[in-house]
PDB file of all heavy atoms in Angstrom:
ATOM      1  N   ILE A   1     -54.834 -37.983  33.167  1.00  0.00           N
ATOM      2  CA  ILE A   1     -54.213 -37.472  34.396  1.00  0.00           C
ATOM      3  C   ILE A   1     -53.122 -36.446  34.066  1.00  0.00           C
ATOM      4  O   ILE A   1     -53.036 -35.373  34.678  1.00  0.00           O
ATOM      5  CB  ILE A   1     -53.628 -38.629  35.220  1.00  0.00           C
ATOM      6  CG1 ILE A   1     -54.750 -39.571  35.661  1.00  0.00           C
ATOM      7  CG2 ILE A   1     -52.869 -38.099  36.430  1.00  0.00           C
ATOM      8  CD1 ILE A   1     -54.266 -40.859  36.297  1.00  0.00           C
ATOM      9  N   GLY A   2     -52.295 -36.776  33.067  1.00  0.00           N
ATOM     10  CA  GLY A   2     -51.207 -35.881  32.690  1.00  0.00           C
ATOM     11  C   GLY A   2     -51.708 -34.568  32.133  1.00  0.00           C
ATOM     12  O   GLY A   2     -51.126 -33.507  32.406  1.00  0.00           O
ATOM     13  N   ALA A   3     -52.784 -34.601  31.369  1.00  0.00           N
ATOM     14  CA  ALA A   3     -53.330 -33.376  30.790  1.00  0.00           C
ATOM     15  C   ALA A   3     -53.770 -32.406  31.877  1.00  0.00           C
ATOM     16  O   ALA A   3     -53.569 -31.188  31.758  1.00  0.00           O
ATOM     17  CB  ALA A   3     -54.496 -33.711  29.856  1.00  0.00           C
ATOM     18  N   ALA A   4     -54.350 -32.932  32.941  1.00  0.00           N
ATOM     19  CA  ALA A   4     -54.792 -32.080  34.046  1.00  0.00           C
ATOM     20  C   ALA A   4     -53.590 -31.407  34.723  1.00  0.00           C
ATOM     21  O   ALA A   4     -53.638 -30.219  35.068  1.00  0.00           O
ATOM     22  CB  ALA A   4     -55.572 -32.903  35.060  1.00  0.00           C
ATOM     23  N   TRP A   5     -52.508 -32.153  34.915  1.00  0.00           N
ATOM     24  CA  TRP A   5     -51.307 -31.598  35.552  1.00  0.00           C
ATOM     25  C   TRP A   5     -50.639 -30.565  34.644  1.00  0.00           C
ATOM     26  O   TRP A   5     -50.203 -29.504  35.096  1.00  0.00           O
ATOM     27  CB  TRP A   5     -50.344 -32.736  35.874  1.00  0.00           C
ATOM     28  CG  TRP A   5     -49.053 -32.280  36.496  1.00  0.00           C
ATOM     29  CD1 TRP A   5     -48.894 -31.558  37.632  1.00  0.00           C
ATOM     30  CD2 TRP A   5     -47.738 -32.520  35.982  1.00  0.00           C
ATOM     31  NE1 TRP A   5     -47.553 -31.341  37.883  1.00  0.00           N
ATOM     32  CE2 TRP A   5     -46.828 -31.921  36.895  1.00  0.00           C
ATOM     33  CE3 TRP A   5     -47.247 -33.195  34.870  1.00  0.00           C
ATOM     34  CZ2 TRP A   5     -45.451 -31.980  36.696  1.00  0.00           C
ATOM     35  CZ3 TRP A   5     -45.871 -33.250  34.689  1.00  0.00           C
ATOM     36  CH2 TRP A   5     -44.988 -32.647  35.592  1.00  0.00           C
ATOM     37  N   ILE A   6     -50.562 -30.856  33.342  1.00  0.00           N
ATOM     38  CA  ILE A   6     -49.926 -29.940  32.392  1.00  0.00           C
ATOM     39  C   ILE A   6     -50.704 -28.631  32.291  1.00  0.00           C
ATOM     40  O   ILE A   6     -50.118 -27.555  32.151  1.00  0.00           O
ATOM     41  CB  ILE A   6     -49.799 -30.621  31.011  1.00  0.00           C
ATOM     42  CG1 ILE A   6     -48.802 -31.773  31.106  1.00  0.00           C
ATOM     43  CG2 ILE A   6     -49.361 -29.625  29.940  1.00  0.00           C
ATOM     44  CD1 ILE A   6     -48.830 -32.692  29.911  1.00  0.00           C
ATOM     45  N   PHE A   7     -52.021 -28.712  32.362  1.00  0.00           N
ATOM     46  CA  PHE A   7     -52.844 -27.505  32.335  1.00  0.00           C
ATOM     47  C   PHE A   7     -52.477 -26.569  33.478  1.00  0.00           C
ATOM     48  O   PHE A   7     -52.378 -25.349  33.310  1.00  0.00           O
ATOM     49  CB  PHE A   7     -54.325 -27.874  32.414  1.00  0.00           C
ATOM     50  CG  PHE A   7     -55.233 -26.683  32.502  1.00  0.00           C
ATOM     51  CD1 PHE A   7     -55.503 -25.912  31.381  1.00  0.00           C
ATOM     52  CD2 PHE A   7     -55.812 -26.324  33.718  1.00  0.00           C
ATOM     53  CE1 PHE A   7     -56.327 -24.807  31.461  1.00  0.00           C
ATOM     54  CE2 PHE A   7     -56.636 -25.218  33.801  1.00  0.00           C
ATOM     55  CZ  PHE A   7     -56.896 -24.458  32.675  1.00  0.00           C
ATOM     56  N   LYS A   8     -52.217 -27.153  34.644  1.00  0.00           N
ATOM     57  CA  LYS A   8     -51.836 -26.350  35.806  1.00  0.00           C
ATOM     58  C   LYS A   8     -50.480 -25.677  35.584  1.00  0.00           C
ATOM     59  O   LYS A   8     -50.270 -24.531  36.008  1.00  0.00           O
ATOM     60  CB  LYS A   8     -51.790 -27.245  37.046  1.00  0.00           C
ATOM     61  CG  LYS A   8     -51.414 -26.509  38.323  1.00  0.00           C
ATOM     62  CD  LYS A   8     -51.405 -27.464  39.517  1.00  0.00           C
ATOM     63  CE  LYS A   8     -50.998 -26.735  40.793  1.00  0.00           C
ATOM     64  NZ  LYS A   8     -50.964 -27.661  41.965  1.00  0.00           N
ATOM     65  N   LEU A   9     -49.556 -26.364  34.903  1.00  0.00           N
ATOM     66  CA  LEU A   9     -48.206 -25.832  34.698  1.00  0.00           C
ATOM     67  C   LEU A   9     -48.152 -24.742  33.634  1.00  0.00           C
ATOM     68  O   LEU A   9     -47.321 -23.831  33.711  1.00  0.00           O
ATOM     69  CB  LEU A   9     -47.253 -26.959  34.295  1.00  0.00           C
ATOM     70  CG  LEU A   9     -46.911 -28.005  35.357  1.00  0.00           C
ATOM     71  CD1 LEU A   9     -46.065 -29.111  34.749  1.00  0.00           C
ATOM     72  CD2 LEU A   9     -46.171 -27.378  36.533  1.00  0.00           C
ATOM     73  N   THR A  10     -49.005 -24.835  32.631  1.00  0.00           N
ATOM     74  CA  THR A  10     -48.855 -23.971  31.441  1.00  0.00           C
ATOM     75  C   THR A  10     -49.948 -22.933  31.280  1.00  0.00           C
ATOM     76  O   THR A  10     -49.971 -22.225  30.275  1.00  0.00           O
ATOM     77  CB  THR A  10     -48.828 -24.844  30.170  1.00  0.00           C
ATOM     78  OG1 THR A  10     -50.063 -25.589  30.076  1.00  0.00           O
ATOM     79  CG2 THR A  10     -47.662 -25.811  30.193  1.00  0.00           C
ATOM     80  N   ARG A  11     -50.835 -22.785  32.243  1.00  0.00           N
ATOM     81  CA  ARG A  11     -51.972 -21.884  32.044  1.00  0.00           C
ATOM     82  C   ARG A  11     -51.567 -20.411  32.062  1.00  0.00           C
ATOM     83  O   ARG A  11     -52.287 -19.553  31.559  1.00  0.00           O
ATOM     84  CB  ARG A  11     -53.046 -22.135  33.101  1.00  0.00           C
ATOM     85  CG  ARG A  11     -52.569 -21.966  34.540  1.00  0.00           C
ATOM     86  CD  ARG A  11     -53.671 -22.297  35.518  1.00  0.00           C
ATOM     87  NE  ARG A  11     -53.207 -22.254  36.902  1.00  0.00           N
ATOM     88  CZ  ARG A  11     -53.999 -22.460  37.940  1.00  0.00           C
ATOM     89  NH1 ARG A  11     -55.279 -22.717  37.751  1.00  0.00           N
ATOM     90  NH2 ARG A  11     -53.503 -22.419  39.163  1.00  0.00           N
ATOM     91  N   LYS A  12     -50.402 -20.071  32.634  1.00  0.00           N
ATOM     92  CA  LYS A  12     -49.957 -18.678  32.671  1.00  0.00           C
ATOM     93  C   LYS A  12     -48.610 -18.556  31.954  1.00  0.00           C
ATOM     94  O   LYS A  12     -47.576 -18.908  32.501  1.00  0.00           O
ATOM     95  CB  LYS A  12     -49.822 -18.187  34.116  1.00  0.00           C
ATOM     96  CG  LYS A  12     -51.159 -18.112  34.849  1.00  0.00           C
ATOM     97  CD  LYS A  12     -50.969 -17.569  36.257  1.00  0.00           C
ATOM     98  CE  LYS A  12     -52.304 -17.474  36.993  1.00  0.00           C
ATOM     99  NZ  LYS A  12     -52.133 -16.954  38.381  1.00  0.00           N
ATOM    100  N   THR A  13     -48.643 -18.083  30.714  1.00  0.00           N
ATOM    101  CA  THR A  13     -47.409 -17.947  29.925  1.00  0.00           C
ATOM    102  C   THR A  13     -47.246 -16.543  29.358  1.00  0.00           C
ATOM    103  O   THR A  13     -46.368 -16.299  28.535  1.00  0.00           O
ATOM    104  CB  THR A  13     -47.426 -18.950  28.756  1.00  0.00           C
ATOM    105  OG1 THR A  13     -48.581 -18.697  27.934  1.00  0.00           O
ATOM    106  CG2 THR A  13     -47.463 -20.376  29.254  1.00  0.00           C
ATOM    107  N   GLU A  14     -48.081 -15.596  29.788  1.00  0.00           N
ATOM    108  CA  GLU A  14     -48.043 -14.249  29.211  1.00  0.00           C
ATOM    109  C   GLU A  14     -46.738 -13.525  29.495  1.00  0.00           C
ATOM    110  O   GLU A  14     -46.316 -12.652  28.734  1.00  0.00           O
ATOM    111  CB  GLU A  14     -49.209 -13.404  29.749  1.00  0.00           C
ATOM    112  CG  GLU A  14     -50.599 -13.913  29.358  1.00  0.00           C
ATOM    113  CD  GLU A  14     -51.096 -15.019  30.280  1.00  0.00           C
ATOM    114  OE1 GLU A  14     -50.343 -15.406  31.198  1.00  0.00           O
ATOM    115  OE2 GLU A  14     -52.223 -15.487  30.074  1.00  0.00           O
ATOM    116  N   SER A  15     -46.066 -13.857  30.606  1.00  0.00           N
ATOM    117  CA  SER A  15     -44.859 -13.128  30.991  1.00  0.00           C
ATOM    118  C   SER A  15     -43.627 -13.544  30.196  1.00  0.00           C
ATOM    119  O   SER A  15     -42.578 -12.912  30.288  1.00  0.00           O
ATOM    120  CB  SER A  15     -44.571 -13.342  32.484  1.00  0.00           C
ATOM    121  OG  SER A  15     -44.362 -14.711  32.767  1.00  0.00           O
ATOM    122  N   LEU A  16     -43.736 -14.589  29.402  1.00  0.00           N
ATOM    123  CA  LEU A  16     -42.585 -15.057  28.643  1.00  0.00           C
ATOM    124  C   LEU A  16     -42.282 -14.127  27.481  1.00  0.00           C
ATOM    125  O   LEU A  16     -43.180 -13.542  26.876  1.00  0.00           O
ATOM    126  CB  LEU A  16     -42.844 -16.475  28.112  1.00  0.00           C
ATOM    127  CG  LEU A  16     -42.997 -17.573  29.171  1.00  0.00           C
ATOM    128  CD1 LEU A  16     -43.257 -18.899  28.503  1.00  0.00           C
ATOM    129  CD2 LEU A  16     -41.767 -17.652  30.055  1.00  0.00           C
ATOM    130  N   GLU A  17     -41.013 -14.017  27.133  1.00  0.00           N
ATOM    131  CA  GLU A  17     -40.586 -13.156  26.036  1.00  0.00           C
ATOM    132  C   GLU A  17     -41.119 -13.686  24.713  1.00  0.00           C
ATOM    133  O   GLU A  17     -40.979 -14.873  24.419  1.00  0.00           O
ATOM    134  CB  GLU A  17     -39.057 -13.120  25.990  1.00  0.00           C
ATOM    135  CG  GLU A  17     -38.494 -12.216  24.908  1.00  0.00           C
ATOM    136  CD  GLU A  17     -36.979 -12.256  24.889  1.00  0.00           C
ATOM    137  OE1 GLU A  17     -36.414 -13.317  25.193  1.00  0.00           O
ATOM    138  OE2 GLU A  17     -36.364 -11.234  24.580  1.00  0.00           O
ATOM    139  N   PRO A  18     -41.725 -12.852  23.881  1.00  0.00           N
ATOM    140  CA  PRO A  18     -42.243 -13.310  22.595  1.00  0.00           C
ATOM    141  C   PRO A  18     -41.129 -13.863  21.717  1.00  0.00           C
ATOM    142  O   PRO A  18     -40.013 -13.344  21.709  1.00  0.00           O
ATOM    143  CB  PRO A  18     -42.845 -12.046  21.975  1.00  0.00           C
ATOM    144  CG  PRO A  18     -43.113 -11.142  23.132  1.00  0.00           C
ATOM    145  CD  PRO A  18     -42.031 -11.431  24.127  1.00  0.00           C
ATOM    146  N   ALA A  19     -41.431 -14.928  20.967  1.00  0.00           N
ATOM    147  CA  ALA A  19     -40.418 -15.548  20.114  1.00  0.00           C
ATOM    148  C   ALA A  19     -39.911 -14.596  19.049  1.00  0.00           C
ATOM    149  O   ALA A  19     -38.736 -14.591  18.708  1.00  0.00           O
ATOM    150  CB  ALA A  19     -40.997 -16.812  19.464  1.00  0.00           C
ATOM    151  N   VAL A  20     -40.793 -13.741  18.523  1.00  0.00           N
ATOM    152  CA  VAL A  20     -40.374 -12.830  17.459  1.00  0.00           C
ATOM    153  C   VAL A  20     -39.373 -11.807  17.970  1.00  0.00           C
ATOM    154  O   VAL A  20     -38.461 -11.389  17.266  1.00  0.00           O
ATOM    155  CB  VAL A  20     -41.600 -12.126  16.834  1.00  0.00           C
ATOM    156  CG1 VAL A  20     -42.252 -11.182  17.832  1.00  0.00           C
ATOM    157  CG2 VAL A  20     -41.178 -11.342  15.586  1.00  0.00           C
ATOM    158  N   LYS A  21     -39.497 -11.386  19.245  1.00  0.00           N
ATOM    159  CA  LYS A  21     -38.537 -10.447  19.834  1.00  0.00           C
ATOM    160  C   LYS A  21     -37.194 -11.132  20.058  1.00  0.00           C
ATOM    161  O   LYS A  21     -36.139 -10.582  19.780  1.00  0.00           O
ATOM    162  CB  LYS A  21     -39.083  -9.914  21.159  1.00  0.00           C
ATOM    163  CG  LYS A  21     -38.142  -8.926  21.845  1.00  0.00           C
ATOM    164  CD  LYS A  21     -38.767  -8.417  23.138  1.00  0.00           C
ATOM    165  CE  LYS A  21     -37.840  -7.447  23.852  1.00  0.00           C
ATOM    166  NZ  LYS A  21     -38.416  -6.963  25.127  1.00  0.00           N
ATOM    167  N   LYS A  22     -37.247 -12.352  20.547  1.00  0.00           N
ATOM    168  CA  LYS A  22     -36.019 -13.088  20.805  1.00  0.00           C
ATOM    169  C   LYS A  22     -35.250 -13.368  19.520  1.00  0.00           C
ATOM    170  O   LYS A  22     -34.024 -13.434  19.516  1.00  0.00           O
ATOM    171  CB  LYS A  22     -36.361 -14.411  21.496  1.00  0.00           C
ATOM    172  CG  LYS A  22     -35.140 -15.194  21.954  1.00  0.00           C
ATOM    173  CD  LYS A  22     -35.581 -16.393  22.764  1.00  0.00           C
ATOM    174  CE  LYS A  22     -34.372 -17.145  23.275  1.00  0.00           C
ATOM    175  NZ  LYS A  22     -34.741 -18.281  24.118  1.00  0.00           N
ATOM    176  N   ALA A  23     -35.985 -13.506  18.410  1.00  0.00           N
ATOM    177  CA  ALA A  23     -35.348 -13.837  17.139  1.00  0.00           C
ATOM    178  C   ALA A  23     -34.390 -12.751  16.671  1.00  0.00           C
ATOM    179  O   ALA A  23     -33.512 -12.993  15.859  1.00  0.00           O
ATOM    180  CB  ALA A  23     -36.411 -14.077  16.073  1.00  0.00           C
ATOM    181  N   ARG A  24     -34.534 -11.520  17.157  1.00  0.00           N
ATOM    182  CA  ARG A  24     -33.650 -10.439  16.739  1.00  0.00           C
ATOM    183  C   ARG A  24     -32.204 -10.700  17.127  1.00  0.00           C
ATOM    184  O   ARG A  24     -31.290 -10.116  16.570  1.00  0.00           O
ATOM    185  CB  ARG A  24     -34.122  -9.122  17.372  1.00  0.00           C
ATOM    186  CG  ARG A  24     -35.518  -8.690  16.918  1.00  0.00           C
ATOM    187  CD  ARG A  24     -35.980  -7.478  17.712  1.00  0.00           C
ATOM    188  NE  ARG A  24     -37.349  -7.110  17.374  1.00  0.00           N
ATOM    189  CZ  ARG A  24     -38.065  -6.204  18.046  1.00  0.00           C
ATOM    190  NH1 ARG A  24     -37.530  -5.579  19.082  1.00  0.00           N
ATOM    191  NH2 ARG A  24     -39.315  -5.933  17.694  1.00  0.00           N
ATOM    192  N   PHE A  25     -32.018 -11.569  18.127  1.00  0.00           N
ATOM    193  CA  PHE A  25     -30.672 -11.833  18.609  1.00  0.00           C
ATOM    194  C   PHE A  25     -30.041 -13.032  17.914  1.00  0.00           C
ATOM    195  O   PHE A  25     -28.994 -13.501  18.305  1.00  0.00           O
ATOM    196  CB  PHE A  25     -30.702 -12.068  20.126  1.00  0.00           C
ATOM    197  CG  PHE A  25     -31.255 -10.896  20.880  1.00  0.00           C
ATOM    198  CD1 PHE A  25     -32.578 -10.893  21.298  1.00  0.00           C
ATOM    199  CD2 PHE A  25     -30.462  -9.799  21.164  1.00  0.00           C
ATOM    200  CE1 PHE A  25     -33.095  -9.802  21.994  1.00  0.00           C
ATOM    201  CE2 PHE A  25     -30.979  -8.713  21.861  1.00  0.00           C
ATOM    202  CZ  PHE A  25     -32.295  -8.718  22.274  1.00  0.00           C
ATOM    203  N   SER A  26     -30.714 -13.544  16.871  1.00  0.00           N
ATOM    204  CA  SER A  26     -30.181 -14.688  16.144  1.00  0.00           C
ATOM    205  C   SER A  26     -28.844 -14.332  15.502  1.00  0.00           C
ATOM    206  O   SER A  26     -28.674 -13.266  14.937  1.00  0.00           O
ATOM    207  CB  SER A  26     -31.167 -15.137  15.065  1.00  0.00           C
ATOM    208  OG  SER A  26     -30.604 -16.144  14.273  1.00  0.00           O
ATOM    209  N   SER A  27     -27.877 -15.261  15.575  1.00  0.00           N
ATOM    210  CA  SER A  27     -26.552 -15.017  14.990  1.00  0.00           C
ATOM    211  C   SER A  27     -26.298 -15.926  13.800  1.00  0.00           C
ATOM    212  O   SER A  27     -25.164 -16.235  13.474  1.00  0.00           O
ATOM    213  CB  SER A  27     -25.471 -15.261  16.054  1.00  0.00           C
ATOM    214  OG  SER A  27     -25.527 -16.588  16.527  1.00  0.00           O
ATOM    215  N   VAL A  28     -27.365 -16.377  13.145  1.00  0.00           N
ATOM    216  CA  VAL A  28     -27.238 -17.325  12.053  1.00  0.00           C
ATOM    217  C   VAL A  28     -27.299 -16.627  10.713  1.00  0.00           C
ATOM    218  O   VAL A  28     -28.141 -15.763  10.491  1.00  0.00           O
ATOM    219  CB  VAL A  28     -28.349 -18.400  12.134  1.00  0.00           C
ATOM    220  CG1 VAL A  28     -28.286 -19.302  10.911  1.00  0.00           C
ATOM    221  CG2 VAL A  28     -28.186 -19.214  13.394  1.00  0.00           C
ATOM    222  N   GLU A  29     -26.370 -17.001   9.843  1.00  0.00           N
ATOM    223  CA  GLU A  29     -26.398 -16.517   8.478  1.00  0.00           C
ATOM    224  C   GLU A  29     -27.053 -17.592   7.617  1.00  0.00           C
ATOM    225  O   GLU A  29     -26.559 -18.704   7.519  1.00  0.00           O
ATOM    226  CB  GLU A  29     -24.977 -16.235   7.988  1.00  0.00           C
ATOM    227  CG  GLU A  29     -24.254 -15.183   8.805  1.00  0.00           C
ATOM    228  CD  GLU A  29     -22.813 -15.028   8.357  1.00  0.00           C
ATOM    229  OE1 GLU A  29     -22.457 -15.609   7.318  1.00  0.00           O
ATOM    230  OE2 GLU A  29     -22.066 -14.333   9.054  1.00  0.00           O
ATOM    231  N   GLY A  30     -28.174 -17.293   6.998  1.00  0.00           N
ATOM    232  CA  GLY A  30     -28.865 -18.279   6.196  1.00  0.00           C
ATOM    233  C   GLY A  30     -29.940 -17.639   5.356  1.00  0.00           C
ATOM    234  O   GLY A  30     -29.930 -16.435   5.109  1.00  0.00           O
TER     235      GLY A  30
END
């Protein structure tokens, strides 16, 4: 039952900012 509901929530994720682009703003020294 949960898998069916989660599919509805996550099927459209193209508009999210790519993780690699967001990583440019990292402020960590390591």
